Amino acid sequence: HNCKPNIVYRAVTESELRSILSGNGIARGAGRTTPTQHVGGVRHSQNPWVSTTRSFESAVFFSTHGGTRPPGAIIAIDLNKVANPVLDLSTKDLASSLGLPWARNMAAAHQEVLIHGGINIEAIVSFVATGM
C-alpha cells in the first residue's frame, strides 16, 4: 500500500466549510449524474460527485471564480484516506472515459479528480492558505 500522501485540492463552499468545521466532511447524496455531465457543469440537485484537482492553481482559480471574487477556503485531501470511489480524470488518457471531447479537455486541463458520494473528514488533511 502506498503510504506517500496523494494530495488533491478543493475550493470549498460556505456550507461545505461549515460541515467540515463541525467534523462532518463533505456529503453528497446518491444521484444519477454521470461524470461527463458533472464535468460539463450540468446542475442536478442530486449530483453525487465532488470535484477536486491535483493542481493548486486550479483550486485557486475555482476559489476566486476566475479572479472575480476574493478567495475562499481551499482544503487538501489525501486520496489514500478517501473512503468513497475516486475517478481520476487528471490526464488526457484518464479523461478519455468522458463522453464529450470538450469535457475530456476541461478535466485534463484542470487535473480533475472526482470523488463519488462525498469526502470523509479523515481524508481532509489541511486547510491551505491562498497567500492573498
C-alpha atoms as a PDB file:
ATOM      1  CA  HIS A   1       0.000   0.000   0.000  1.00  0.00           C
ATOM      2  CA  ASN A   2       1.333   3.417  -0.963  1.00  0.00           C
ATOM      3  CA  CYS A   3       1.973   5.449   2.197  1.00  0.00           C
ATOM      4  CA  LYS A   4       3.006   8.589   0.319  1.00  0.00           C
ATOM      5  CA  PRO A   5       0.221  11.185   0.530  1.00  0.00           C
ATOM      6  CA  ASN A   6      -1.767  11.515  -2.697  1.00  0.00           C
ATOM      7  CA  ILE A   7      -2.983  15.090  -2.378  1.00  0.00           C
ATOM      8  CA  VAL A   8      -5.752  16.889  -4.264  1.00  0.00           C
ATOM      9  CA  TYR A   9      -7.344  20.262  -3.545  1.00  0.00           C
ATOM     10  CA  ARG A  10     -10.860  21.668  -3.419  1.00  0.00           C
ATOM     11  CA  ALA A  11     -12.166  25.206  -3.104  1.00  0.00           C
ATOM     12  CA  VAL A  12     -14.989  24.714  -0.608  1.00  0.00           C
ATOM     13  CA  THR A  13     -18.342  26.445  -0.450  1.00  0.00           C
ATOM     14  CA  GLU A  14     -19.568  28.176   2.720  1.00  0.00           C
ATOM     15  CA  SER A  15     -21.871  25.250   3.557  1.00  0.00           C
ATOM     16  CA  GLU A  16     -19.079  22.706   2.940  1.00  0.00           C
ATOM     17  CA  LEU A  17     -16.759  24.740   5.175  1.00  0.00           C
ATOM     18  CA  ARG A  18     -19.349  24.740   7.985  1.00  0.00           C
ATOM     19  CA  SER A  19     -19.780  20.974   7.588  1.00  0.00           C
ATOM     20  CA  ILE A  20     -16.003  20.371   7.738  1.00  0.00           C
ATOM     21  CA  LEU A  21     -15.545  22.628  10.776  1.00  0.00           C
ATOM     22  CA  SER A  22     -18.289  20.686  12.574  1.00  0.00           C
ATOM     23  CA  GLY A  23     -16.439  17.423  11.850  1.00  0.00           C
ATOM     24  CA  ASN A  24     -18.662  16.033   9.113  1.00  0.00           C
ATOM     25  CA  GLY A  25     -16.649  16.245   5.898  1.00  0.00           C
ATOM     26  CA  ILE A  26     -18.471  16.899   2.624  1.00  0.00           C
ATOM     27  CA  ALA A  27     -21.613  14.870   1.983  1.00  0.00           C
ATOM     28  CA  ARG A  28     -23.261  14.103  -1.348  1.00  0.00           C
ATOM     29  CA  GLY A  29     -26.417  12.119  -1.895  1.00  0.00           C
ATOM     30  CA  ALA A  30     -26.916   9.291  -4.323  1.00  0.00           C
ATOM     31  CA  GLY A  31     -27.591  10.544  -7.815  1.00  0.00           C
ATOM     32  CA  ARG A  32     -27.506   9.607 -11.464  1.00  0.00           C
ATOM     33  CA  THR A  33     -25.354  12.467 -12.755  1.00  0.00           C
ATOM     34  CA  THR A  34     -22.644  10.995 -14.988  1.00  0.00           C
ATOM     35  CA  PRO A  35     -19.014  12.111 -14.745  1.00  0.00           C
ATOM     36  CA  THR A  36     -19.362  13.713 -18.212  1.00  0.00           C
ATOM     37  CA  GLN A  37     -22.431  15.679 -17.091  1.00  0.00           C
ATOM     38  CA  HIS A  38     -20.679  16.741 -13.889  1.00  0.00           C
ATOM     39  CA  VAL A  39     -17.533  17.989 -15.624  1.00  0.00           C
ATOM     40  CA  GLY A  40     -19.751  19.715 -18.189  1.00  0.00           C
ATOM     41  CA  GLY A  41     -21.456  21.731 -15.475  1.00  0.00           C
ATOM     42  CA  VAL A  42     -24.905  20.121 -15.557  1.00  0.00           C
ATOM     43  CA  ARG A  43     -26.711  21.214 -12.384  1.00  0.00           C
ATOM     44  CA  HIS A  44     -28.600  18.283 -10.895  1.00  0.00           C
ATOM     45  CA  SER A  45     -29.972  18.599  -7.378  1.00  0.00           C
ATOM     46  CA  GLN A  46     -28.753  15.080  -6.593  1.00  0.00           C
ATOM     47  CA  ASN A  47     -25.242  15.162  -8.059  1.00  0.00           C
ATOM     48  CA  PRO A  48     -23.111  12.550  -6.237  1.00  0.00           C
ATOM     49  CA  TRP A  49     -19.733  13.878  -7.479  1.00  0.00           C
ATOM     50  CA  VAL A  50     -17.320  16.195  -5.672  1.00  0.00           C
ATOM     51  CA  SER A  51     -14.684  17.838  -7.882  1.00  0.00           C
ATOM     52  CA  THR A  52     -11.109  18.059  -6.662  1.00  0.00           C
ATOM     53  CA  THR A  53      -7.907  18.872  -8.524  1.00  0.00           C
ATOM     54  CA  ARG A  54      -4.259  17.871  -8.454  1.00  0.00           C
ATOM     55  CA  SER A  55      -3.455  21.478  -9.419  1.00  0.00           C
ATOM     56  CA  PHE A  56      -3.315  24.024  -6.600  1.00  0.00           C
ATOM     57  CA  GLU A  57      -3.534  26.752  -9.264  1.00  0.00           C
ATOM     58  CA  SER A  58      -6.832  25.304 -10.499  1.00  0.00           C
ATOM     59  CA  ALA A  59      -8.162  25.219  -6.919  1.00  0.00           C
ATOM     60  CA  VAL A  60      -7.306  28.927  -6.554  1.00  0.00           C
ATOM     61  CA  PHE A  61      -8.980  29.611  -9.931  1.00  0.00           C
ATOM     62  CA  PHE A  62     -12.204  27.947  -8.734  1.00  0.00           C
ATOM     63  CA  SER A  63     -11.936  29.564  -5.293  1.00  0.00           C
ATOM     64  CA  THR A  64     -11.833  33.046  -6.845  1.00  0.00           C
ATOM     65  CA  HIS A  65     -14.248  32.216  -9.697  1.00  0.00           C
ATOM     66  CA  GLY A  66     -11.508  33.001 -12.196  1.00  0.00           C
ATOM     67  CA  GLY A  67     -10.218  36.010 -10.281  1.00  0.00           C
ATOM     68  CA  THR A  68     -13.601  37.742  -9.960  1.00  0.00           C
ATOM     69  CA  ARG A  69     -14.087  37.160  -6.216  1.00  0.00           C
ATOM     70  CA  PRO A  70     -11.941  37.069  -3.080  1.00  0.00           C
ATOM     71  CA  PRO A  71     -10.555  33.574  -2.442  1.00  0.00           C
ATOM     72  CA  GLY A  72     -12.419  31.257  -0.131  1.00  0.00           C
ATOM     73  CA  ALA A  73     -11.105  28.289   1.812  1.00  0.00           C
ATOM     74  CA  ILE A  74      -9.189  25.567  -0.008  1.00  0.00           C
ATOM     75  CA  ILE A  75      -8.774  22.129   1.534  1.00  0.00           C
ATOM     76  CA  ALA A  76      -6.127  19.495   0.887  1.00  0.00           C
ATOM     77  CA  ILE A  77      -7.429  15.933   0.632  1.00  0.00           C
ATOM     78  CA  ASP A  78      -5.352  12.751   0.823  1.00  0.00           C
ATOM     79  CA  LEU A  79      -6.875  10.371  -1.742  1.00  0.00           C
ATOM     80  CA  ASN A  80      -5.319   7.431   0.150  1.00  0.00           C
ATOM     81  CA  LYS A  81      -7.723   8.218   3.023  1.00  0.00           C
ATOM     82  CA  VAL A  82     -10.886   8.749   0.943  1.00  0.00           C
ATOM     83  CA  ALA A  83     -13.499   6.122   1.792  1.00  0.00           C
ATOM     84  CA  ASN A  84     -15.575   6.589  -1.395  1.00  0.00           C
ATOM     85  CA  PRO A  85     -14.835   5.716  -5.043  1.00  0.00           C
ATOM     86  CA  VAL A  86     -12.368   8.030  -6.796  1.00  0.00           C
ATOM     87  CA  LEU A  87     -12.420   8.729 -10.540  1.00  0.00           C
ATOM     88  CA  ASP A  88      -9.113  10.235 -11.664  1.00  0.00           C
ATOM     89  CA  LEU A  89      -9.552  12.375 -14.802  1.00  0.00           C
ATOM     90  CA  SER A  90      -6.363  14.378 -14.292  1.00  0.00           C
ATOM     91  CA  THR A  91      -4.654  13.477 -17.581  1.00  0.00           C
ATOM     92  CA  LYS A  92      -5.843  13.233 -21.199  1.00  0.00           C
ATOM     93  CA  ASP A  93      -5.545   9.422 -21.038  1.00  0.00           C
ATOM     94  CA  LEU A  94      -7.515   9.179 -17.796  1.00  0.00           C
ATOM     95  CA  ALA A  95     -10.140  11.669 -19.036  1.00  0.00           C
ATOM     96  CA  SER A  96     -10.682   9.673 -22.257  1.00  0.00           C
ATOM     97  CA  SER A  97     -13.548   7.836 -20.480  1.00  0.00           C
ATOM     98  CA  LEU A  98     -15.667  11.018 -20.612  1.00  0.00           C
ATOM     99  CA  GLY A  99     -18.281  11.174 -23.345  1.00  0.00           C
ATOM    100  CA  LEU A 100     -17.581  14.620 -24.806  1.00  0.00           C
ATOM    101  CA  PRO A 101     -14.263  15.891 -26.175  1.00  0.00           C
ATOM    102  CA  TRP A 102     -14.562  19.306 -24.508  1.00  0.00           C
ATOM    103  CA  ALA A 103     -15.340  17.634 -21.152  1.00  0.00           C
ATOM    104  CA  ARG A 104     -12.207  15.478 -21.586  1.00  0.00           C
ATOM    105  CA  ASN A 105     -10.149  18.604 -22.333  1.00  0.00           C
ATOM    106  CA  MET A 106     -11.621  20.525 -19.374  1.00  0.00           C
ATOM    107  CA  ALA A 107     -10.999  17.673 -16.925  1.00  0.00           C
ATOM    108  CA  ALA A 108      -7.415  17.180 -18.085  1.00  0.00           C
ATOM    109  CA  ALA A 109      -6.681  20.926 -18.158  1.00  0.00           C
ATOM    110  CA  HIS A 110      -7.808  21.274 -14.538  1.00  0.00           C
ATOM    111  CA  GLN A 111      -6.296  17.898 -13.490  1.00  0.00           C
ATOM    112  CA  GLU A 112      -9.705  16.936 -12.143  1.00  0.00           C
ATOM    113  CA  VAL A 113     -10.249  14.047  -9.738  1.00  0.00           C
ATOM    114  CA  LEU A 114     -13.885  13.246  -8.915  1.00  0.00           C
ATOM    115  CA  ILE A 115     -14.960  11.676  -5.634  1.00  0.00           C
ATOM    116  CA  HIS A 116     -18.320   9.874  -5.598  1.00  0.00           C
ATOM    117  CA  GLY A 117     -20.599  10.360  -2.614  1.00  0.00           C
ATOM    118  CA  GLY A 118     -18.613  12.904  -0.616  1.00  0.00           C
ATOM    119  CA  ILE A 119     -15.362  13.275   1.294  1.00  0.00           C
ATOM    120  CA  ASN A 120     -14.975  11.766   4.753  1.00  0.00           C
ATOM    121  CA  ILE A 121     -13.454  14.068   7.375  1.00  0.00           C
ATOM    122  CA  GLU A 122     -10.425  11.771   7.871  1.00  0.00           C
ATOM    123  CA  ALA A 123      -9.332  12.413   4.274  1.00  0.00           C
ATOM    124  CA  ILE A 124      -9.263  16.200   4.725  1.00  0.00           C
ATOM    125  CA  VAL A 125      -5.695  16.764   5.860  1.00  0.00           C
ATOM    126  CA  SER A 126      -5.446  20.552   5.962  1.00  0.00           C
ATOM    127  CA  PHE A 127      -6.726  23.969   5.044  1.00  0.00           C
ATOM    128  CA  VAL A 128      -4.406  25.681   2.597  1.00  0.00           C
ATOM    129  CA  ALA A 129      -3.814  29.416   2.606  1.00  0.00           C
ATOM    130  CA  THR A 130      -4.087  31.005  -0.830  1.00  0.00           C
ATOM    131  CA  GLY A 131      -1.491  33.639   0.007  1.00  0.00           C
ATOM    132  CA  MET A 132      -3.934  36.519  -0.530  1.00  0.00           C
END
